[in-house]
Amino acid sequence: MRNILILITLFLTTLSAHEYKTVFDCNSNDMSYIASRMFLVERTMDMIESNGDSVNFAITLHGSCAKIVSKDYDMLVKDDEIQSAKLAQAQLIKLDKKGVKIVVCAMSLNANAIDESSVISAAKISPNSFLETIKYQNDGYALMVFE
């Protein structure tokens, strides 16, 4: 009888669990802000998961935000932004390891003079990150914008 009650409790808990699907779209050129948002993504994940719910997150990067996926970010940002870019990239790598899908726009890489060979392995290169963002939205992901 006790095992049956445990199974029913687990079943009901699973039924009440929610999946949070979100695509975070980053287009900011403020490295400090970008770093803070990457940490906020992780805090949000932790809060959701601590409630027994699941996350399915993606981050699309374009414009100046694409600089954080370059192994050579220190050559791309102002001297006073290097530490923030380093933190943002380290957090992006951590988020990738936690299952967040990271997508960077090839057009933005080109616009920022970033060679695709210098992109960190955590990021998938898309010909156009707008297409990826639209695809995520069409698949039911909520859009959160970092500008």
Protein backbone atom coordinates (compact mmCIF):
# COMPACT_ATOMS: atom_id res chain seq x y z
CA MET A 1 0.00 0.00 0.00
CA ARG A 2 2.81 2.39 0.89
CA ASN A 3 4.50 1.80 -2.47
CA ILE A 4 1.27 2.52 -4.27
CA LEU A 5 0.93 5.85 -2.43
CA ILE A 6 4.51 6.74 -3.35
CA LEU A 7 3.85 5.90 -7.00
CA ILE A 8 0.66 7.95 -7.04
CA THR A 9 2.48 10.91 -5.46
CA LEU A 10 5.27 10.68 -8.04
CA PHE A 11 2.74 10.41 -10.84
CA LEU A 12 0.79 13.46 -9.65
CA THR A 13 4.00 15.45 -9.20
CA THR A 14 5.02 14.61 -12.75
CA LEU A 15 1.61 15.67 -14.05
CA SER A 16 1.86 19.04 -12.34
CA ALA A 17 5.40 19.75 -13.60
CA HIS A 18 5.75 22.40 -16.26
CA GLU A 19 8.26 22.89 -19.04
CA TYR A 20 9.56 26.42 -19.51
CA LYS A 21 10.58 27.00 -23.13
CA THR A 22 12.36 30.29 -23.74
CA VAL A 23 14.65 31.78 -26.35
CA PHE A 24 16.80 34.65 -25.09
CA ASP A 25 17.75 36.96 -27.95
CA CYS A 26 20.89 39.03 -27.30
CA ASN A 27 21.72 42.09 -29.38
CA SER A 28 23.30 44.33 -26.75
CA ASN A 29 26.68 45.99 -27.13
CA ASP A 30 27.11 46.50 -23.36
CA MET A 31 29.38 43.69 -22.15
CA SER A 32 28.55 44.28 -18.49
CA TYR A 33 24.84 44.00 -19.24
CA ILE A 34 25.39 40.89 -21.36
CA ALA A 35 27.35 39.22 -18.55
CA SER A 36 24.62 40.05 -16.04
CA ARG A 37 21.94 38.58 -18.32
CA MET A 38 23.90 35.34 -18.81
CA PHE A 39 24.04 34.93 -15.02
CA LEU A 40 20.32 35.74 -14.82
CA VAL A 41 19.55 32.95 -17.31
CA GLU A 42 21.26 30.47 -14.98
CA ARG A 43 19.50 31.84 -11.87
CA THR A 44 16.19 31.54 -13.71
CA MET A 45 16.97 27.94 -14.66
CA ASP A 46 17.84 27.10 -11.07
CA MET A 47 14.62 28.66 -9.75
CA ILE A 48 12.48 26.76 -12.23
CA GLU A 49 14.22 23.44 -11.60
CA SER A 50 14.05 23.90 -7.81
CA ASN A 51 10.25 23.92 -8.19
CA GLY A 52 10.36 20.55 -9.95
CA ASP A 53 9.76 22.01 -13.38
CA SER A 54 11.97 21.64 -16.45
CA VAL A 55 13.68 24.13 -18.71
CA ASN A 56 14.29 24.14 -22.42
CA PHE A 57 16.32 27.29 -23.07
CA ALA A 58 18.10 28.69 -26.10
CA ILE A 59 20.15 31.84 -26.59
CA THR A 60 20.49 33.55 -29.95
CA LEU A 61 23.33 36.03 -30.35
CA HIS A 62 23.67 38.70 -33.00
CA GLY A 63 24.98 42.21 -33.46
CA SER A 64 27.66 43.19 -30.95
CA CYS A 65 26.57 40.39 -28.63
CA ALA A 66 28.21 37.94 -31.05
CA LYS A 67 31.62 39.07 -29.79
CA ILE A 68 31.30 36.91 -26.68
CA VAL A 69 31.55 33.69 -28.70
CA SER A 70 34.96 34.59 -30.11
CA LYS A 71 38.06 33.05 -28.60
CA ASP A 72 39.62 36.45 -29.37
CA TYR A 73 36.98 38.60 -27.62
CA ASP A 74 39.77 40.63 -25.99
CA MET A 75 40.68 41.98 -29.42
CA LEU A 76 37.06 42.92 -30.17
CA VAL A 77 35.89 44.82 -27.11
CA LYS A 78 37.10 47.97 -25.39
CA ASP A 79 39.76 47.53 -22.71
CA ASP A 80 37.33 48.41 -19.93
CA GLU A 81 34.91 45.70 -21.16
CA ILE A 82 37.35 42.78 -21.37
CA GLN A 83 36.55 41.46 -17.87
CA SER A 84 32.81 41.58 -18.54
CA ALA A 85 33.25 39.83 -21.91
CA LYS A 86 35.33 37.15 -20.20
CA LEU A 87 32.61 36.62 -17.58
CA ALA A 88 29.89 36.52 -20.25
CA GLN A 89 31.77 33.93 -22.30
CA ALA A 90 32.54 31.77 -19.27
CA GLN A 91 28.88 31.86 -18.29
CA LEU A 92 27.81 31.04 -21.84
CA ILE A 93 30.04 27.95 -21.76
CA LYS A 94 28.55 26.97 -18.39
CA LEU A 95 25.02 27.38 -19.77
CA ASP A 96 25.92 25.19 -22.75
CA LYS A 97 27.04 22.46 -20.34
CA LYS A 98 23.67 22.79 -18.58
CA GLY A 99 21.88 22.09 -21.87
CA VAL A 100 21.12 25.60 -23.11
CA LYS A 101 21.31 25.79 -26.90
CA ILE A 102 23.61 28.62 -28.04
CA VAL A 103 23.22 30.03 -31.57
CA VAL A 104 25.29 32.84 -33.11
CA CYS A 105 24.52 34.66 -36.34
CA ALA A 106 27.05 34.20 -39.17
CA MET A 107 26.17 37.64 -40.54
CA SER A 108 27.02 39.17 -37.16
CA LEU A 109 30.28 37.24 -37.02
CA ASN A 110 31.14 38.74 -40.40
CA ALA A 111 30.04 42.25 -39.36
CA ASN A 112 32.27 42.01 -36.26
CA ALA A 113 35.23 40.57 -38.25
CA ILE A 114 35.08 37.29 -36.32
CA ASP A 115 36.40 34.28 -38.19
CA GLU A 116 34.16 31.24 -37.78
CA SER A 117 37.20 29.17 -36.77
CA SER A 118 37.58 31.34 -33.64
CA VAL A 119 34.05 30.62 -32.38
CA ILE A 120 33.89 28.65 -29.15
CA SER A 121 32.57 25.11 -29.45
CA ALA A 122 29.55 25.92 -27.26
CA ALA A 123 28.01 28.01 -30.05
CA LYS A 124 26.30 26.73 -33.18
CA ILE A 125 26.66 29.06 -36.16
CA SER A 126 23.46 29.92 -38.00
CA PRO A 127 23.39 31.73 -41.35
CA ASN A 128 20.84 34.13 -39.81
CA SER A 129 19.92 34.08 -36.11
CA PHE A 130 16.58 35.75 -36.87
CA LEU A 131 15.56 32.51 -38.61
CA GLU A 132 16.52 30.52 -35.51
CA THR A 133 14.63 32.90 -33.22
CA ILE A 134 11.54 32.69 -35.41
CA LYS A 135 11.80 28.89 -35.47
CA TYR A 136 11.99 28.76 -31.67
CA GLN A 137 8.98 31.06 -31.35
CA ASN A 138 7.00 28.93 -33.81
CA ASP A 139 7.87 25.93 -31.63
CA GLY A 140 6.28 27.60 -28.61
CA TYR A 141 9.32 29.26 -27.00
CA ALA A 142 8.72 32.55 -25.19
CA LEU A 143 10.92 35.37 -26.47
CA MET A 144 13.06 37.31 -23.99
CA VAL A 145 15.13 40.12 -25.53
CA PHE A 146 18.43 41.49 -24.23
CA GLU A 147 19.09 44.85 -25.87
